[in-house]
PDB file of N, CA and C in Angstrom:
ATOM      1  N   MET A   1       4.147   4.047 -11.595  1.00  0.00           N
ATOM      2  CA  MET A   1       3.422   4.513 -10.191  1.00  0.00           C
ATOM      3  C   MET A   1       4.462   5.519 -10.036  1.00  0.00           C
ATOM      4  N   SER A   2       4.521   6.324  -9.297  1.00  0.00           N
ATOM      5  CA  SER A   2       5.652   7.071  -8.429  1.00  0.00           C
ATOM      6  C   SER A   2       4.531   7.794  -7.210  1.00  0.00           C
ATOM      7  N   ARG A   3       5.412   7.515  -6.254  1.00  0.00           N
ATOM      8  CA  ARG A   3       5.058   8.185  -5.170  1.00  0.00           C
ATOM      9  C   ARG A   3       5.332   8.769  -4.214  1.00  0.00           C
ATOM     10  N   THR A   4       5.209   9.740  -3.127  1.00  0.00           N
ATOM     11  CA  THR A   4       6.457  10.517  -2.385  1.00  0.00           C
ATOM     12  C   THR A   4       5.746  10.160  -1.050  1.00  0.00           C
ATOM     13  N   ILE A   5       6.659   9.905  -0.338  1.00  0.00           N
ATOM     14  CA  ILE A   5       6.463   9.506   1.184  1.00  0.00           C
ATOM     15  C   ILE A   5       7.722  10.753   1.938  1.00  0.00           C
ATOM     16  N   THR A   6       7.214  10.944   3.101  1.00  0.00           N
ATOM     17  CA  THR A   6       7.936  11.793   4.191  1.00  0.00           C
ATOM     18  C   THR A   6       8.496  11.257   5.076  1.00  0.00           C
ATOM     19  N   VAL A   7       9.837  11.593   4.656  1.00  0.00           N
ATOM     20  CA  VAL A   7      10.627  10.635   6.135  1.00  0.00           C
ATOM     21  C   VAL A   7      11.139  11.934   7.449  1.00  0.00           C
ATOM     22  N   GLU A   8      11.466  11.297   8.270  1.00  0.00           N
ATOM     23  CA  GLU A   8      11.409  12.231   9.581  1.00  0.00           C
ATOM     24  C   GLU A   8      12.780  11.686   9.867  1.00  0.00           C
ATOM     25  N   GLY A   9      14.385  12.602  10.014  1.00  0.00           N
ATOM     26  CA  GLY A   9      15.157  11.864  11.053  1.00  0.00           C
ATOM     27  C   GLY A   9      16.586  11.416   9.748  1.00  0.00           C
ATOM     28  N   MET A  10      16.605  11.620   8.509  1.00  0.00           N
ATOM     29  CA  MET A  10      17.592  11.520   7.735  1.00  0.00           C
ATOM     30  C   MET A  10      18.603  12.703   7.696  1.00  0.00           C
ATOM     31  N   SER A  11      19.464  12.621   8.063  1.00  0.00           N
ATOM     32  CA  SER A  11      20.453  13.451   8.514  1.00  0.00           C
ATOM     33  C   SER A  11      22.046  13.748   7.406  1.00  0.00           C
ATOM     34  N   CYS A  12      21.889  12.318   7.110  1.00  0.00           N
ATOM     35  CA  CYS A  12      23.333  12.401   6.093  1.00  0.00           C
ATOM     36  C   CYS A  12      23.239  11.256   4.784  1.00  0.00           C
ATOM     37  N   GLU A  13      23.993  11.357   4.272  1.00  0.00           N
ATOM     38  CA  GLU A  13      24.190  10.619   2.732  1.00  0.00           C
ATOM     39  C   GLU A  13      23.563   8.673   3.200  1.00  0.00           C
ATOM     40  N   HIS A  14      24.318   8.746   4.836  1.00  0.00           N
ATOM     41  CA  HIS A  14      24.316   6.938   5.064  1.00  0.00           C
ATOM     42  C   HIS A  14      22.630   6.807   5.093  1.00  0.00           C
ATOM     43  N   CYS A  15      22.008   7.909   6.379  1.00  0.00           N
ATOM     44  CA  CYS A  15      20.745   7.605   6.411  1.00  0.00           C
ATOM     45  C   CYS A  15      19.840   7.612   5.110  1.00  0.00           C
ATOM     46  N   GLU A  16      20.091   8.569   4.343  1.00  0.00           N
ATOM     47  CA  GLU A  16      19.585   8.224   2.945  1.00  0.00           C
ATOM     48  C   GLU A  16      19.583   6.763   2.201  1.00  0.00           C
ATOM     49  N   ARG A  17      20.852   6.214   2.009  1.00  0.00           N
ATOM     50  CA  ARG A  17      21.195   4.854   1.266  1.00  0.00           C
ATOM     51  C   ARG A  17      20.294   3.835   2.273  1.00  0.00           C
ATOM     52  N   THR A  18      20.114   4.226   3.922  1.00  0.00           N
ATOM     53  CA  THR A  18      19.336   3.102   4.385  1.00  0.00           C
ATOM     54  C   THR A  18      18.006   3.198   4.465  1.00  0.00           C
ATOM     55  N   VAL A  19      17.509   3.818   4.445  1.00  0.00           N
ATOM     56  CA  VAL A  19      16.184   4.546   3.671  1.00  0.00           C
ATOM     57  C   VAL A  19      15.747   3.885   1.849  1.00  0.00           C
ATOM     58  N   GLU A  20      16.584   3.766   1.453  1.00  0.00           N
ATOM     59  CA  GLU A  20      16.302   3.800   0.109  1.00  0.00           C
ATOM     60  C   GLU A  20      16.578   1.995   0.173  1.00  0.00           C
ATOM     61  N   GLU A  21      17.556   1.424   0.745  1.00  0.00           N
ATOM     62  CA  GLU A  21      17.833   0.022   0.334  1.00  0.00           C
ATOM     63  C   GLU A  21      16.198  -0.650   1.370  1.00  0.00           C
ATOM     64  N   ALA A  22      15.830   0.070   2.556  1.00  0.00           N
ATOM     65  CA  ALA A  22      15.189  -0.479   2.912  1.00  0.00           C
ATOM     66  C   ALA A  22      13.665  -0.754   2.070  1.00  0.00           C
ATOM     67  N   LEU A  23      13.604   0.380   1.161  1.00  0.00           N
ATOM     68  CA  LEU A  23      12.199   0.360   0.784  1.00  0.00           C
ATOM     69  C   LEU A  23      12.879  -0.327  -1.006  1.00  0.00           C
ATOM     70  N   GLU A  24      13.615  -0.313  -1.301  1.00  0.00           N
ATOM     71  CA  GLU A  24      13.946  -1.288  -2.643  1.00  0.00           C
ATOM     72  C   GLU A  24      13.782  -2.439  -2.154  1.00  0.00           C
ATOM     73  N   ASP A  25      13.592  -3.024  -0.818  1.00  0.00           N
ATOM     74  CA  ASP A  25      13.458  -4.768  -0.800  1.00  0.00           C
ATOM     75  C   ASP A  25      12.048  -4.830  -0.519  1.00  0.00           C
ATOM     76  N   VAL A  26      11.393  -3.512  -0.108  1.00  0.00           N
ATOM     77  CA  VAL A  26       9.711  -3.466  -0.390  1.00  0.00           C
ATOM     78  C   VAL A  26       8.944  -4.304  -1.883  1.00  0.00           C
ATOM     79  N   ASP A  27       7.978  -5.310  -1.853  1.00  0.00           N
ATOM     80  CA  ASP A  27       7.828  -5.994  -3.108  1.00  0.00           C
ATOM     81  C   ASP A  27       6.959  -5.269  -3.829  1.00  0.00           C
ATOM     82  N   GLY A  28       7.432  -4.541  -5.061  1.00  0.00           N
ATOM     83  CA  GLY A  28       6.431  -4.058  -5.654  1.00  0.00           C
ATOM     84  C   GLY A  28       7.471  -2.225  -6.233  1.00  0.00           C
ATOM     85  N   VAL A  29       8.523  -2.295  -5.379  1.00  0.00           N
ATOM     86  CA  VAL A  29       9.153  -0.457  -5.161  1.00  0.00           C
ATOM     87  C   VAL A  29      10.409  -1.045  -6.541  1.00  0.00           C
ATOM     88  N   ALA A  30      10.529  -0.308  -7.843  1.00  0.00           N
ATOM     89  CA  ALA A  30      11.117  -0.559  -8.384  1.00  0.00           C
ATOM     90  C   ALA A  30      12.472   0.374  -8.231  1.00  0.00           C
ATOM     91  N   ARG A  31      12.303   1.633  -7.715  1.00  0.00           N
ATOM     92  CA  ARG A  31      13.340   2.407  -7.233  1.00  0.00           C
ATOM     93  C   ARG A  31      13.030   3.162  -6.151  1.00  0.00           C
ATOM     94  N   ALA A  32      13.710   3.383  -5.466  1.00  0.00           N
ATOM     95  CA  ALA A  32      13.478   4.833  -4.590  1.00  0.00           C
ATOM     96  C   ALA A  32      14.690   5.865  -4.148  1.00  0.00           C
ATOM     97  N   ARG A  33      14.710   7.160  -4.298  1.00  0.00           N
ATOM     98  CA  ARG A  33      16.213   7.881  -3.903  1.00  0.00           C
ATOM     99  C   ARG A  33      15.464   8.950  -2.671  1.00  0.00           C
ATOM    100  N   ALA A  34      15.663   8.863  -1.986  1.00  0.00           N
ATOM    101  CA  ALA A  34      15.908   9.609  -0.605  1.00  0.00           C
ATOM    102  C   ALA A  34      16.586  11.042  -0.930  1.00  0.00           C
ATOM    103  N   ASP A  35      15.897  12.183  -0.272  1.00  0.00           N
ATOM    104  CA  ASP A  35      16.302  13.508   0.086  1.00  0.00           C
ATOM    105  C   ASP A  35      16.314  13.853   0.860  1.00  0.00           C
ATOM    106  N   ARG A  36      17.238  13.990   1.739  1.00  0.00           N
ATOM    107  CA  ARG A  36      17.158  14.934   3.533  1.00  0.00           C
ATOM    108  C   ARG A  36      17.302  15.729   3.766  1.00  0.00           C
ATOM    109  N   ALA A  37      17.148  16.999   2.591  1.00  0.00           N
ATOM    110  CA  ALA A  37      17.063  18.016   2.435  1.00  0.00           C
ATOM    111  C   ALA A  37      15.961  18.613   2.298  1.00  0.00           C
ATOM    112  N   ALA A  38      15.195  17.763   1.781  1.00  0.00           N
ATOM    113  CA  ALA A  38      13.793  17.794   1.542  1.00  0.00           C
ATOM    114  C   ALA A  38      12.542  17.280   2.217  1.00  0.00           C
ATOM    115  N   GLY A  39      13.200  15.734   3.101  1.00  0.00           N
ATOM    116  CA  GLY A  39      12.287  15.152   4.219  1.00  0.00           C
ATOM    117  C   GLY A  39      11.951  14.096   3.192  1.00  0.00           C
ATOM    118  N   GLU A  40      11.651  13.838   1.936  1.00  0.00           N
ATOM    119  CA  GLU A  40      11.512  12.667   1.296  1.00  0.00           C
ATOM    120  C   GLU A  40      11.844  11.837   0.873  1.00  0.00           C
ATOM    121  N   VAL A  41      11.269  11.043   0.336  1.00  0.00           N
ATOM    122  CA  VAL A  41      11.839   9.707  -0.694  1.00  0.00           C
ATOM    123  C   VAL A  41      10.677  10.097  -1.929  1.00  0.00           C
ATOM    124  N   LYS A  42      11.313   9.821  -3.029  1.00  0.00           N
ATOM    125  CA  LYS A  42      10.172   9.673  -4.506  1.00  0.00           C
ATOM    126  C   LYS A  42      10.586   8.288  -4.746  1.00  0.00           C
ATOM    127  N   ILE A  43       9.187   7.332  -4.641  1.00  0.00           N
ATOM    128  CA  ILE A  43       9.479   5.804  -4.714  1.00  0.00           C
ATOM    129  C   ILE A  43       8.584   5.619  -6.438  1.00  0.00           C
ATOM    130  N   GLU A  44       9.546   4.743  -7.339  1.00  0.00           N
ATOM    131  CA  GLU A  44       8.637   4.405  -8.125  1.00  0.00           C
ATOM    132  C   GLU A  44       8.136   3.088  -8.115  1.00  0.00           C
ATOM    133  N   GLY A  45       6.799   2.832  -8.527  1.00  0.00           N
ATOM    134  CA  GLY A  45       6.751   1.187  -8.487  1.00  0.00           C
ATOM    135  C   GLY A  45       4.704   1.253  -8.061  1.00  0.00           C
ATOM    136  N   ALA A  46       4.508   0.300  -7.699  1.00  0.00           N
ATOM    137  CA  ALA A  46       3.318   0.220  -7.025  1.00  0.00           C
ATOM    138  C   ALA A  46       3.125  -0.506  -5.683  1.00  0.00           C
ATOM    139  N   ALA A  47       4.058  -0.320  -5.178  1.00  0.00           N
ATOM    140  CA  ALA A  47       3.950  -0.965  -3.675  1.00  0.00           C
ATOM    141  C   ALA A  47       2.984  -0.649  -2.451  1.00  0.00           C
ATOM    142  N   ASP A  48       2.303  -0.984  -1.226  1.00  0.00           N
ATOM    143  CA  ASP A  48       1.175  -0.734  -0.597  1.00  0.00           C
ATOM    144  C   ASP A  48       2.137   0.273   0.301  1.00  0.00           C
ATOM    145  N   PRO A  49       1.113   1.624   0.259  1.00  0.00           N
ATOM    146  CA  PRO A  49       1.790   2.345   1.166  1.00  0.00           C
ATOM    147  C   PRO A  49       2.602   2.308   2.390  1.00  0.00           C
ATOM    148  N   ASP A  50       1.447   1.290   3.062  1.00  0.00           N
ATOM    149  CA  ASP A  50       1.207   1.110   4.502  1.00  0.00           C
ATOM    150  C   ASP A  50       2.595   0.486   4.538  1.00  0.00           C
ATOM    151  N   ARG A  51       3.035  -0.285   3.809  1.00  0.00           N
ATOM    152  CA  ARG A  51       3.898  -1.471   3.563  1.00  0.00           C
ATOM    153  C   ARG A  51       5.448  -0.841   3.529  1.00  0.00           C
ATOM    154  N   LEU A  52       5.405   0.451   2.456  1.00  0.00           N
ATOM    155  CA  LEU A  52       6.644   1.327   2.546  1.00  0.00           C
ATOM    156  C   LEU A  52       6.512   2.108   3.665  1.00  0.00           C
ATOM    157  N   VAL A  53       5.631   3.125   4.669  1.00  0.00           N
ATOM    158  CA  VAL A  53       5.827   3.558   5.953  1.00  0.00           C
ATOM    159  C   VAL A  53       6.639   2.442   6.860  1.00  0.00           C
ATOM    160  N   ALA A  54       6.035   1.294   6.788  1.00  0.00           N
ATOM    161  CA  ALA A  54       6.829   0.059   7.856  1.00  0.00           C
ATOM    162  C   ALA A  54       7.853  -0.078   7.440  1.00  0.00           C
ATOM    163  N   ALA A  55       8.613  -0.452   6.219  1.00  0.00           N
ATOM    164  CA  ALA A  55      10.019  -0.614   6.036  1.00  0.00           C
ATOM    165  C   ALA A  55      10.711   0.822   6.238  1.00  0.00           C
ATOM    166  N   VAL A  56      10.267   2.057   6.018  1.00  0.00           N
ATOM    167  CA  VAL A  56      10.874   3.189   6.710  1.00  0.00           C
ATOM    168  C   VAL A  56      11.284   3.008   8.688  1.00  0.00           C
ATOM    169  N   GLU A  57       9.936   2.582   9.244  1.00  0.00           N
ATOM    170  CA  GLU A  57      10.212   2.820  10.556  1.00  0.00           C
ATOM    171  C   GLU A  57      10.783   1.857  11.486  1.00  0.00           C
ATOM    172  N   ASP A  58      10.811   0.593  10.288  1.00  0.00           N
ATOM    173  CA  ASP A  58      12.018  -0.637  10.445  1.00  0.00           C
ATOM    174  C   ASP A  58      13.576  -0.363  10.881  1.00  0.00           C
ATOM    175  N   THR A  59      13.963   0.815   9.825  1.00  0.00           N
ATOM    176  CA  THR A  59      14.871   1.526  10.031  1.00  0.00           C
ATOM    177  C   THR A  59      15.082   2.336  11.078  1.00  0.00           C
ATOM    178  N   GLY A  60      13.971   2.831  11.725  1.00  0.00           N
ATOM    179  CA  GLY A  60      14.471   4.001  12.733  1.00  0.00           C
ATOM    180  C   GLY A  60      14.421   5.100  12.271  1.00  0.00           C
ATOM    181  N   TYR A  61      13.708   5.632  11.041  1.00  0.00           N
ATOM    182  CA  TYR A  61      13.193   6.884  11.065  1.00  0.00           C
ATOM    183  C   TYR A  61      11.504   6.745  11.052  1.00  0.00           C
ATOM    184  N   GLY A  62      10.919   7.897  11.374  1.00  0.00           N
ATOM    185  CA  GLY A  62       9.815   8.064  10.897  1.00  0.00           C
ATOM    186  C   GLY A  62       9.337   8.444   9.173  1.00  0.00           C
ATOM    187  N   ALA A  63       7.791   7.779   9.071  1.00  0.00           N
ATOM    188  CA  ALA A  63       7.184   7.934   7.758  1.00  0.00           C
ATOM    189  C   ALA A  63       5.950   8.371   7.719  1.00  0.00           C
ATOM    190  N   SER A  64       5.552   8.814   6.818  1.00  0.00           N
ATOM    191  CA  SER A  64       4.423   9.057   6.036  1.00  0.00           C
ATOM    192  C   SER A  64       4.044   9.050   5.016  1.00  0.00           C
ATOM    193  N   VAL A  65       2.956   8.982   4.227  1.00  0.00           N
ATOM    194  CA  VAL A  65       2.239   9.200   3.405  1.00  0.00           C
ATOM    195  C   VAL A  65       1.423  10.431   2.987  1.00  0.00           C
ATOM    196  N   PRO A  66       2.123  11.279   2.510  1.00  0.00           N
ATOM    197  CA  PRO A  66       1.434  12.436   2.670  1.00  0.00           C
ATOM    198  C   PRO A  66      -0.416  12.419   2.041  1.00  0.00           C
ATOM    199  N   ALA A  67      -1.184  13.211   2.429  1.00  0.00           N
ATOM    200  CA  ALA A  67      -2.182  13.367   1.740  1.00  0.00           C
ATOM    201  C   ALA A  67      -2.591  13.673   0.527  1.00  0.00           C
TER     202      ALA A  67
END
């Protein structure tokens, strides 16, 4: 299963890596790939969307799950 979440505030490669690492620490996430230009992260796995948003917000970035 894959899903995309929107992330606000990523401006560099370090930002992308920080978000990816935070998401990859969430149970159920197999892989996360951030794209700062698109303002989103593609996630492979079956993690709870609320936990994904919380993990990103814990790093200081805004996040939401598109409807």
